[in-house]
Amino acid sequence: MILNSRFSKRDILSEKNVIKEEIKMHEDTPAEQVHDLFVGTLFDGHPLGSPVVGTIDSVEGIGREDVLEYYKTMFIPGHMVFAAAGNVKHTQLVEAVEKY
């Protein structure tokens, strides 16, 4: 995602279809529906009242240009945190991050 991202129209369409299926599964779960209604009422008119997974309409409204603009705005060094677990030395991680 960070290096060599292409964001092809085909890949974006495929991911949008996956997300829409996840939204449908979310909507088919009674507990999720109750939660969404409660939060929607509690935060009426505020973005916090919107479903976390989004809506079919919101997903449909996202285009390749939106993805590219978000990537250019948010995927910058000042917004990133890198963490590693396992058999890796701190200096190796720092060198790899600085290289790319």
PDB file of N, CA and C in Angstrom:
ATOM      1  N   MET A   1       0.819  -1.193   0.000  1.00  0.00           N
ATOM      2  CA  MET A   1       0.000   0.000   0.000  1.00  0.00           C
ATOM      3  C   MET A   1       0.864   1.258   0.000  1.00  0.00           C
ATOM      4  N   ILE A   2       1.974   1.201   0.707  1.00  0.00           N
ATOM      5  CA  ILE A   2       2.801   2.394   0.812  1.00  0.00           C
ATOM      6  C   ILE A   2       3.721   2.535  -0.392  1.00  0.00           C
ATOM      7  N   LEU A   3       4.327   1.444  -0.797  1.00  0.00           N
ATOM      8  CA  LEU A   3       5.257   1.475  -1.924  1.00  0.00           C
ATOM      9  C   LEU A   3       4.608   0.891  -3.175  1.00  0.00           C
ATOM     10  N   ASN A   4       4.849   1.518  -4.292  1.00  0.00           N
ATOM     11  CA  ASN A   4       4.422   1.002  -5.595  1.00  0.00           C
ATOM     12  C   ASN A   4       2.910   0.799  -5.717  1.00  0.00           C
ATOM     13  N   SER A   5       2.142   1.661  -5.087  1.00  0.00           N
ATOM     14  CA  SER A   5       0.684   1.560  -5.185  1.00  0.00           C
ATOM     15  C   SER A   5       0.224   2.045  -6.552  1.00  0.00           C
ATOM     16  N   ARG A   6      -0.652   1.271  -7.184  1.00  0.00           N
ATOM     17  CA  ARG A   6      -1.145   1.637  -8.515  1.00  0.00           C
ATOM     18  C   ARG A   6      -2.557   2.194  -8.466  1.00  0.00           C
ATOM     19  N   PHE A   7      -3.358   1.665  -7.571  1.00  0.00           N
ATOM     20  CA  PHE A   7      -4.751   2.076  -7.455  1.00  0.00           C
ATOM     21  C   PHE A   7      -5.458   2.004  -8.806  1.00  0.00           C
ATOM     22  N   SER A   8      -5.376   0.846  -9.437  1.00  0.00           N
ATOM     23  CA  SER A   8      -6.035   0.676 -10.733  1.00  0.00           C
ATOM     24  C   SER A   8      -7.551   0.724 -10.544  1.00  0.00           C
ATOM     25  N   LYS A   9      -8.240   1.128 -11.592  1.00  0.00           N
ATOM     26  CA  LYS A   9      -9.702   1.179 -11.529  1.00  0.00           C
ATOM     27  C   LYS A   9     -10.279  -0.190 -11.203  1.00  0.00           C
ATOM     28  N   ARG A  10      -9.686  -1.234 -11.770  1.00  0.00           N
ATOM     29  CA  ARG A  10     -10.165  -2.594 -11.527  1.00  0.00           C
ATOM     30  C   ARG A  10      -9.994  -2.981 -10.056  1.00  0.00           C
ATOM     31  N   ASP A  11      -8.833  -2.667  -9.475  1.00  0.00           N
ATOM     32  CA  ASP A  11      -8.592  -2.984  -8.067  1.00  0.00           C
ATOM     33  C   ASP A  11      -9.539  -2.213  -7.154  1.00  0.00           C
ATOM     34  N   ILE A  12      -9.761  -0.952  -7.462  1.00  0.00           N
ATOM     35  CA  ILE A  12     -10.662  -0.133  -6.651  1.00  0.00           C
ATOM     36  C   ILE A  12     -12.082  -0.663  -6.745  1.00  0.00           C
ATOM     37  N   LEU A  13     -12.537  -1.011  -7.939  1.00  0.00           N
ATOM     38  CA  LEU A  13     -13.876  -1.574  -8.110  1.00  0.00           C
ATOM     39  C   LEU A  13     -14.017  -2.879  -7.336  1.00  0.00           C
ATOM     40  N   SER A  14     -13.005  -3.715  -7.400  1.00  0.00           N
ATOM     41  CA  SER A  14     -13.031  -4.985  -6.681  1.00  0.00           C
ATOM     42  C   SER A  14     -13.144  -4.753  -5.176  1.00  0.00           C
ATOM     43  N   GLU A  15     -12.365  -3.831  -4.651  1.00  0.00           N
ATOM     44  CA  GLU A  15     -12.406  -3.544  -3.212  1.00  0.00           C
ATOM     45  C   GLU A  15     -13.734  -2.916  -2.815  1.00  0.00           C
ATOM     46  N   LYS A  16     -14.277  -2.057  -3.668  1.00  0.00           N
ATOM     47  CA  LYS A  16     -15.584  -1.465  -3.386  1.00  0.00           C
ATOM     48  C   LYS A  16     -16.652  -2.551  -3.294  1.00  0.00           C
ATOM     49  N   ASN A  17     -16.578  -3.551  -4.161  1.00  0.00           N
ATOM     50  CA  ASN A  17     -17.542  -4.650  -4.106  1.00  0.00           C
ATOM     51  C   ASN A  17     -17.408  -5.444  -2.812  1.00  0.00           C
ATOM     52  N   VAL A  18     -16.181  -5.654  -2.360  1.00  0.00           N
ATOM     53  CA  VAL A  18     -15.957  -6.350  -1.088  1.00  0.00           C
ATOM     54  C   VAL A  18     -16.570  -5.543   0.058  1.00  0.00           C
ATOM     55  N   ILE A  19     -16.324  -4.250   0.063  1.00  0.00           N
ATOM     56  CA  ILE A  19     -16.845  -3.393   1.128  1.00  0.00           C
ATOM     57  C   ILE A  19     -18.369  -3.370   1.109  1.00  0.00           C
ATOM     58  N   LYS A  20     -18.966  -3.324  -0.072  1.00  0.00           N
ATOM     59  CA  LYS A  20     -20.434  -3.327  -0.161  1.00  0.00           C
ATOM     60  C   LYS A  20     -21.011  -4.627   0.395  1.00  0.00           C
ATOM     61  N   GLU A  21     -20.343  -5.742   0.158  1.00  0.00           N
ATOM     62  CA  GLU A  21     -20.795  -7.014   0.731  1.00  0.00           C
ATOM     63  C   GLU A  21     -20.675  -6.987   2.252  1.00  0.00           C
ATOM     64  N   GLU A  22     -19.608  -6.393   2.767  1.00  0.00           N
ATOM     65  CA  GLU A  22     -19.442  -6.270   4.214  1.00  0.00           C
ATOM     66  C   GLU A  22     -20.543  -5.395   4.807  1.00  0.00           C
ATOM     67  N   ILE A  23     -20.912  -4.334   4.108  1.00  0.00           N
ATOM     68  CA  ILE A  23     -21.995  -3.466   4.571  1.00  0.00           C
ATOM     69  C   ILE A  23     -23.305  -4.245   4.613  1.00  0.00           C
ATOM     70  N   LYS A  24     -23.567  -5.038   3.588  1.00  0.00           N
ATOM     71  CA  LYS A  24     -24.798  -5.839   3.566  1.00  0.00           C
ATOM     72  C   LYS A  24     -24.827  -6.829   4.725  1.00  0.00           C
ATOM     73  N   MET A  25     -23.682  -7.457   5.022  1.00  0.00           N
ATOM     74  CA  MET A  25     -23.620  -8.381   6.159  1.00  0.00           C
ATOM     75  C   MET A  25     -23.871  -7.620   7.463  1.00  0.00           C
ATOM     76  N   HIS A  26     -23.307  -6.440   7.571  1.00  0.00           N
ATOM     77  CA  HIS A  26     -23.502  -5.586   8.743  1.00  0.00           C
ATOM     78  C   HIS A  26     -24.990  -5.253   8.899  1.00  0.00           C
ATOM     79  N   GLU A  27     -25.630  -4.886   7.790  1.00  0.00           N
ATOM     80  CA  GLU A  27     -27.048  -4.519   7.822  1.00  0.00           C
ATOM     81  C   GLU A  27     -27.953  -5.707   8.134  1.00  0.00           C
ATOM     82  N   ASP A  28     -27.477  -6.921   7.885  1.00  0.00           N
ATOM     83  CA  ASP A  28     -28.265  -8.125   8.165  1.00  0.00           C
ATOM     84  C   ASP A  28     -28.103  -8.616   9.598  1.00  0.00           C
ATOM     85  N   THR A  29     -27.331  -7.909  10.409  1.00  0.00           N
ATOM     86  CA  THR A  29     -27.096  -8.306  11.791  1.00  0.00           C
ATOM     87  C   THR A  29     -27.927  -7.411  12.710  1.00  0.00           C
ATOM     88  N   PRO A  30     -28.934  -7.977  13.393  1.00  0.00           N
ATOM     89  CA  PRO A  30     -29.807  -7.158  14.242  1.00  0.00           C
ATOM     90  C   PRO A  30     -29.057  -6.320  15.282  1.00  0.00           C
ATOM     91  N   ALA A  31     -28.053  -6.892  15.920  1.00  0.00           N
ATOM     92  CA  ALA A  31     -27.309  -6.138  16.935  1.00  0.00           C
ATOM     93  C   ALA A  31     -26.625  -4.918  16.322  1.00  0.00           C
ATOM     94  N   GLU A  32     -26.118  -5.066  15.117  1.00  0.00           N
ATOM     95  CA  GLU A  32     -25.476  -3.934  14.440  1.00  0.00           C
ATOM     96  C   GLU A  32     -26.509  -2.866  14.092  1.00  0.00           C
ATOM     97  N   GLN A  33     -27.693  -3.306  13.690  1.00  0.00           N
ATOM     98  CA  GLN A  33     -28.755  -2.355  13.365  1.00  0.00           C
ATOM     99  C   GLN A  33     -29.159  -1.546  14.595  1.00  0.00           C
ATOM    100  N   VAL A  34     -29.303  -2.228  15.741  1.00  0.00           N
ATOM    101  CA  VAL A  34     -29.653  -1.536  16.983  1.00  0.00           C
ATOM    102  C   VAL A  34     -28.557  -0.533  17.340  1.00  0.00           C
ATOM    103  N   HIS A  35     -27.318  -0.964  17.230  1.00  0.00           N
ATOM    104  CA  HIS A  35     -26.198  -0.069  17.534  1.00  0.00           C
ATOM    105  C   HIS A  35     -26.213   1.152  16.618  1.00  0.00           C
ATOM    106  N   ASP A  36     -26.398   0.937  15.330  1.00  0.00           N
ATOM    107  CA  ASP A  36     -26.420   2.054  14.382  1.00  0.00           C
ATOM    108  C   ASP A  36     -27.562   3.023  14.681  1.00  0.00           C
ATOM    109  N   LEU A  37     -28.730   2.490  15.026  1.00  0.00           N
ATOM    110  CA  LEU A  37     -29.868   3.355  15.364  1.00  0.00           C
ATOM    111  C   LEU A  37     -29.585   4.164  16.625  1.00  0.00           C
ATOM    112  N   PHE A  38     -29.012   3.512  17.634  1.00  0.00           N
ATOM    113  CA  PHE A  38     -28.688   4.192  18.887  1.00  0.00           C
ATOM    114  C   PHE A  38     -27.674   5.312  18.653  1.00  0.00           C
ATOM    115  N   VAL A  39     -26.583   4.983  17.989  1.00  0.00           N
ATOM    116  CA  VAL A  39     -25.527   5.971  17.739  1.00  0.00           C
ATOM    117  C   VAL A  39     -26.042   7.082  16.823  1.00  0.00           C
ATOM    118  N   GLY A  40     -26.852   6.714  15.835  1.00  0.00           N
ATOM    119  CA  GLY A  40     -27.425   7.713  14.940  1.00  0.00           C
ATOM    120  C   GLY A  40     -28.316   8.696  15.673  1.00  0.00           C
ATOM    121  N   THR A  41     -29.045   8.207  16.664  1.00  0.00           N
ATOM    122  CA  THR A  41     -29.906   9.074  17.465  1.00  0.00           C
ATOM    123  C   THR A  41     -29.076   9.910  18.435  1.00  0.00           C
ATOM    124  N   LEU A  42     -28.108   9.281  19.064  1.00  0.00           N
ATOM    125  CA  LEU A  42     -27.259   9.965  20.036  1.00  0.00           C
ATOM    126  C   LEU A  42     -26.473  11.105  19.398  1.00  0.00           C
ATOM    127  N   PHE A  43     -25.950  10.870  18.214  1.00  0.00           N
ATOM    128  CA  PHE A  43     -25.127  11.864  17.519  1.00  0.00           C
ATOM    129  C   PHE A  43     -25.840  12.412  16.286  1.00  0.00           C
ATOM    130  N   ASP A  44     -27.118  12.623  16.394  1.00  0.00           N
ATOM    131  CA  ASP A  44     -27.938  13.074  15.275  1.00  0.00           C
ATOM    132  C   ASP A  44     -27.329  14.301  14.589  1.00  0.00           C
ATOM    133  N   GLY A  45     -27.106  14.188  13.282  1.00  0.00           N
ATOM    134  CA  GLY A  45     -26.573  15.303  12.511  1.00  0.00           C
ATOM    135  C   GLY A  45     -25.066  15.459  12.575  1.00  0.00           C
ATOM    136  N   HIS A  46     -24.392  14.618  13.340  1.00  0.00           N
ATOM    137  CA  HIS A  46     -22.929  14.688  13.477  1.00  0.00           C
ATOM    138  C   HIS A  46     -22.316  13.477  12.781  1.00  0.00           C
ATOM    139  N   PRO A  47     -21.122  13.617  12.212  1.00  0.00           N
ATOM    140  CA  PRO A  47     -20.490  12.471  11.540  1.00  0.00           C
ATOM    141  C   PRO A  47     -20.351  11.229  12.424  1.00  0.00           C
ATOM    142  N   LEU A  48     -20.238  11.413  13.747  1.00  0.00           N
ATOM    143  CA  LEU A  48     -20.146  10.249  14.636  1.00  0.00           C
ATOM    144  C   LEU A  48     -21.419   9.408  14.616  1.00  0.00           C
ATOM    145  N   GLY A  49     -22.512   9.981  14.128  1.00  0.00           N
ATOM    146  CA  GLY A  49     -23.765   9.248  14.031  1.00  0.00           C
ATOM    147  C   GLY A  49     -23.881   8.396  12.782  1.00  0.00           C
ATOM    148  N   SER A  50     -22.905   8.480  11.915  1.00  0.00           N
ATOM    149  CA  SER A  50     -22.919   7.696  10.673  1.00  0.00           C
ATOM    150  C   SER A  50     -22.352   6.305  10.914  1.00  0.00           C
ATOM    151  N   PRO A  51     -22.803   5.311  10.155  1.00  0.00           N
ATOM    152  CA  PRO A  51     -22.263   3.954  10.307  1.00  0.00           C
ATOM    153  C   PRO A  51     -20.760   3.925  10.024  1.00  0.00           C
ATOM    154  N   VAL A  52     -20.022   3.248  10.883  1.00  0.00           N
ATOM    155  CA  VAL A  52     -18.569   3.162  10.729  1.00  0.00           C
ATOM    156  C   VAL A  52     -18.204   2.512   9.402  1.00  0.00           C
ATOM    157  N   VAL A  53     -18.973   1.510   8.993  1.00  0.00           N
ATOM    158  CA  VAL A  53     -18.666   0.791   7.751  1.00  0.00           C
ATOM    159  C   VAL A  53     -19.064   1.579   6.510  1.00  0.00           C
ATOM    160  N   GLY A  54     -19.767   2.686   6.702  1.00  0.00           N
ATOM    161  CA  GLY A  54     -20.223   3.472   5.567  1.00  0.00           C
ATOM    162  C   GLY A  54     -21.567   2.968   5.066  1.00  0.00           C
ATOM    163  N   THR A  55     -21.967   3.489   3.936  1.00  0.00           N
ATOM    164  CA  THR A  55     -23.212   3.065   3.304  1.00  0.00           C
ATOM    165  C   THR A  55     -22.903   2.657   1.870  1.00  0.00           C
ATOM    166  N   ILE A  56     -23.835   1.944   1.281  1.00  0.00           N
ATOM    167  CA  ILE A  56     -23.660   1.562  -0.126  1.00  0.00           C
ATOM    168  C   ILE A  56     -23.462   2.821  -0.973  1.00  0.00           C
ATOM    169  N   ASP A  57     -24.265   3.852  -0.708  1.00  0.00           N
ATOM    170  CA  ASP A  57     -24.157   5.101  -1.475  1.00  0.00           C
ATOM    171  C   ASP A  57     -22.800   5.772  -1.281  1.00  0.00           C
ATOM    172  N   SER A  58     -22.299   5.768  -0.037  1.00  0.00           N
ATOM    173  CA  SER A  58     -21.007   6.424   0.196  1.00  0.00           C
ATOM    174  C   SER A  58     -19.879   5.682  -0.512  1.00  0.00           C
ATOM    175  N   VAL A  59     -19.954   4.360  -0.540  1.00  0.00           N
ATOM    176  CA  VAL A  59     -18.930   3.570  -1.229  1.00  0.00           C
ATOM    177  C   VAL A  59     -19.031   3.780  -2.732  1.00  0.00           C
ATOM    178  N   GLU A  60     -20.257   3.802  -3.248  1.00  0.00           N
ATOM    179  CA  GLU A  60     -20.457   4.032  -4.683  1.00  0.00           C
ATOM    180  C   GLU A  60     -19.899   5.385  -5.108  1.00  0.00           C
ATOM    181  N   GLY A  61     -19.946   6.364  -4.203  1.00  0.00           N
ATOM    182  CA  GLY A  61     -19.512   7.715  -4.535  1.00  0.00           C
ATOM    183  C   GLY A  61     -18.006   7.921  -4.559  1.00  0.00           C
ATOM    184  N   ILE A  62     -17.247   6.916  -4.144  1.00  0.00           N
ATOM    185  CA  ILE A  62     -15.790   7.049  -4.112  1.00  0.00           C
ATOM    186  C   ILE A  62     -15.208   6.626  -5.451  1.00  0.00           C
ATOM    187  N   GLY A  63     -14.403   7.506  -6.034  1.00  0.00           N
ATOM    188  CA  GLY A  63     -13.757   7.202  -7.308  1.00  0.00           C
ATOM    189  C   GLY A  63     -12.247   7.128  -7.155  1.00  0.00           C
ATOM    190  N   ARG A  64     -11.587   6.779  -8.224  1.00  0.00           N
ATOM    191  CA  ARG A  64     -10.132   6.646  -8.210  1.00  0.00           C
ATOM    192  C   ARG A  64      -9.463   7.957  -7.801  1.00  0.00           C
ATOM    193  N   GLU A  65      -9.972   9.075  -8.297  1.00  0.00           N
ATOM    194  CA  GLU A  65      -9.385  10.375  -7.946  1.00  0.00           C
ATOM    195  C   GLU A  65      -9.490  10.640  -6.449  1.00  0.00           C
ATOM    196  N   ASP A  66     -10.594  10.222  -5.829  1.00  0.00           N
ATOM    197  CA  ASP A  66     -10.749  10.380  -4.379  1.00  0.00           C
ATOM    198  C   ASP A  66      -9.691   9.572  -3.634  1.00  0.00           C
ATOM    199  N   VAL A  67      -9.460   8.352  -4.087  1.00  0.00           N
ATOM    200  CA  VAL A  67      -8.465   7.481  -3.456  1.00  0.00           C
ATOM    201  C   VAL A  67      -7.072   8.087  -3.607  1.00  0.00           C
ATOM    202  N   LEU A  68      -6.749   8.548  -4.804  1.00  0.00           N
ATOM    203  CA  LEU A  68      -5.434   9.150  -5.039  1.00  0.00           C
ATOM    204  C   LEU A  68      -5.223  10.402  -4.189  1.00  0.00           C
ATOM    205  N   GLU A  69      -6.234  11.240  -4.102  1.00  0.00           N
ATOM    206  CA  GLU A  69      -6.123  12.464  -3.305  1.00  0.00           C
ATOM    207  C   GLU A  69      -5.936  12.134  -1.825  1.00  0.00           C
ATOM    208  N   TYR A  70      -6.689  11.156  -1.336  1.00  0.00           N
ATOM    209  CA  TYR A  70      -6.543  10.736   0.065  1.00  0.00           C
ATOM    210  C   TYR A  70      -5.140  10.196   0.306  1.00  0.00           C
ATOM    211  N   TYR A  71      -4.659   9.376  -0.607  1.00  0.00           N
ATOM    212  CA  TYR A  71      -3.321   8.795  -0.483  1.00  0.00           C
ATOM    213  C   TYR A  71      -2.254   9.894  -0.427  1.00  0.00           C
ATOM    214  N   LYS A  72      -2.347  10.859  -1.340  1.00  0.00           N
ATOM    215  CA  LYS A  72      -1.353  11.937  -1.384  1.00  0.00           C
ATOM    216  C   LYS A  72      -1.397  12.807  -0.130  1.00  0.00           C
ATOM    217  N   THR A  73      -2.580  12.955   0.443  1.00  0.00           N
ATOM    218  CA  THR A  73      -2.747  13.805   1.617  1.00  0.00           C
ATOM    219  C   THR A  73      -2.361  13.099   2.914  1.00  0.00           C
ATOM    220  N   MET A  74      -2.739  11.838   3.031  1.00  0.00           N
ATOM    221  CA  MET A  74      -2.592  11.145   4.314  1.00  0.00           C
ATOM    222  C   MET A  74      -1.366  10.248   4.432  1.00  0.00           C
ATOM    223  N   PHE A  75      -0.894   9.705   3.338  1.00  0.00           N
ATOM    224  CA  PHE A  75       0.239   8.782   3.400  1.00  0.00           C
ATOM    225  C   PHE A  75       1.546   9.546   3.219  1.00  0.00           C
ATOM    226  N   ILE A  76       1.833  10.372   4.218  1.00  0.00           N
ATOM    227  CA  ILE A  76       3.054  11.166   4.237  1.00  0.00           C
ATOM    228  C   ILE A  76       3.790  10.855   5.538  1.00  0.00           C
ATOM    229  N   PRO A  77       5.103  11.058   5.564  1.00  0.00           N
ATOM    230  CA  PRO A  77       5.890  10.666   6.740  1.00  0.00           C
ATOM    231  C   PRO A  77       5.352  11.186   8.071  1.00  0.00           C
ATOM    232  N   GLY A  78       4.875  12.407   8.116  1.00  0.00           N
ATOM    233  CA  GLY A  78       4.382  12.971   9.369  1.00  0.00           C
ATOM    234  C   GLY A  78       3.143  12.295   9.924  1.00  0.00           C
ATOM    235  N   HIS A  79       2.463  11.506   9.106  1.00  0.00           N
ATOM    236  CA  HIS A  79       1.248  10.816   9.537  1.00  0.00           C
ATOM    237  C   HIS A  79       1.468   9.334   9.808  1.00  0.00           C
ATOM    238  N   MET A  80       2.696   8.869   9.672  1.00  0.00           N
ATOM    239  CA  MET A  80       2.946   7.429   9.750  1.00  0.00           C
ATOM    240  C   MET A  80       3.676   7.031  11.022  1.00  0.00           C
ATOM    241  N   VAL A  81       3.346   5.838  11.478  1.00  0.00           N
ATOM    242  CA  VAL A  81       4.042   5.205  12.592  1.00  0.00           C
ATOM    243  C   VAL A  81       4.388   3.803  12.132  1.00  0.00           C
ATOM    244  N   PHE A  82       5.635   3.421  12.277  1.00  0.00           N
ATOM    245  CA  PHE A  82       6.064   2.077  11.905  1.00  0.00           C
ATOM    246  C   PHE A  82       6.397   1.310  13.164  1.00  0.00           C
ATOM    247  N   ALA A  83       5.932   0.094  13.225  1.00  0.00           N
ATOM    248  CA  ALA A  83       6.208  -0.777  14.365  1.00  0.00           C
ATOM    249  C   ALA A  83       6.597  -2.143  13.839  1.00  0.00           C
ATOM    250  N   ALA A  84       7.393  -2.826  14.613  1.00  0.00           N
ATOM    251  CA  ALA A  84       7.820  -4.169  14.216  1.00  0.00           C
ATOM    252  C   ALA A  84       7.853  -5.053  15.447  1.00  0.00           C
ATOM    253  N   ALA A  85       7.592  -6.314  15.229  1.00  0.00           N
ATOM    254  CA  ALA A  85       7.673  -7.302  16.298  1.00  0.00           C
ATOM    255  C   ALA A  85       8.432  -8.496  15.755  1.00  0.00           C
ATOM    256  N   GLY A  86       9.188  -9.108  16.598  1.00  0.00           N
ATOM    257  CA  GLY A  86       9.913 -10.289  16.159  1.00  0.00           C
ATOM    258  C   GLY A  86      11.406 -10.049  16.109  1.00  0.00           C
ATOM    259  N   ASN A  87      12.058 -10.858  15.337  1.00  0.00           N
ATOM    260  CA  ASN A  87      13.513 -10.849  15.269  1.00  0.00           C
ATOM    261  C   ASN A  87      14.004  -9.758  14.314  1.00  0.00           C
ATOM    262  N   VAL A  88      13.858  -8.511  14.735  1.00  0.00           N
ATOM    263  CA  VAL A  88      14.320  -7.383  13.934  1.00  0.00           C
ATOM    264  C   VAL A  88      14.986  -6.373  14.862  1.00  0.00           C
ATOM    265  N   LYS A  89      16.102  -5.880  14.436  1.00  0.00           N
ATOM    266  CA  LYS A  89      16.820  -4.880  15.227  1.00  0.00           C
ATOM    267  C   LYS A  89      16.282  -3.491  14.898  1.00  0.00           C
ATOM    268  N   HIS A  90      16.259  -2.644  15.907  1.00  0.00           N
ATOM    269  CA  HIS A  90      15.753  -1.284  15.744  1.00  0.00           C
ATOM    270  C   HIS A  90      16.489  -0.561  14.619  1.00  0.00           C
ATOM    271  N   THR A  91      17.796  -0.705  14.564  1.00  0.00           N
ATOM    272  CA  THR A  91      18.573  -0.011  13.524  1.00  0.00           C
ATOM    273  C   THR A  91      18.191  -0.489  12.126  1.00  0.00           C
ATOM    274  N   GLN A  92      17.896  -1.781  11.979  1.00  0.00           N
ATOM    275  CA  GLN A  92      17.480  -2.308  10.673  1.00  0.00           C
ATOM    276  C   GLN A  92      16.149  -1.700  10.250  1.00  0.00           C
ATOM    277  N   LEU A  93      15.227  -1.599  11.193  1.00  0.00           N
ATOM    278  CA  LEU A  93      13.920  -1.024  10.891  1.00  0.00           C
ATOM    279  C   LEU A  93      14.068   0.442  10.490  1.00  0.00           C
ATOM    280  N   VAL A  94      14.836   1.188  11.254  1.00  0.00           N
ATOM    281  CA  VAL A  94      15.035   2.608  10.952  1.00  0.00           C
ATOM    282  C   VAL A  94      15.672   2.775   9.575  1.00  0.00           C
ATOM    283  N   GLU A  95      16.667   1.971   9.265  1.00  0.00           N
ATOM    284  CA  GLU A  95      17.325   2.053   7.953  1.00  0.00           C
ATOM    285  C   GLU A  95      16.340   1.760   6.818  1.00  0.00           C
ATOM    286  N   ALA A  96      15.510   0.753   6.991  1.00  0.00           N
ATOM    287  CA  ALA A  96      14.537   0.399   5.952  1.00  0.00           C
ATOM    288  C   ALA A  96      13.515   1.517   5.757  1.00  0.00           C
ATOM    289  N   VAL A  97      13.034   2.092   6.855  1.00  0.00           N
ATOM    290  CA  VAL A  97      12.049   3.175   6.759  1.00  0.00           C
ATOM    291  C   VAL A  97      12.674   4.401   6.092  1.00  0.00           C
ATOM    292  N   GLU A  98      13.875   4.734   6.482  1.00  0.00           N
ATOM    293  CA  GLU A  98      14.536   5.904   5.893  1.00  0.00           C
ATOM    294  C   GLU A  98      14.862   5.696   4.419  1.00  0.00           C
ATOM    295  N   LYS A  99      15.135   4.454   4.032  1.00  0.00           N
ATOM    296  CA  LYS A  99      15.454   4.150   2.638  1.00  0.00           C
ATOM    297  C   LYS A  99      14.256   4.406   1.724  1.00  0.00           C
ATOM    298  N   TYR A 100      13.071   4.088   2.193  1.00  0.00           N
ATOM    299  CA  TYR A 100      11.879   4.214   1.365  1.00  0.00           C
ATOM    300  C   TYR A 100      11.039   5.396   1.774  1.00  0.00           C
TER     301      TYR A 100
END
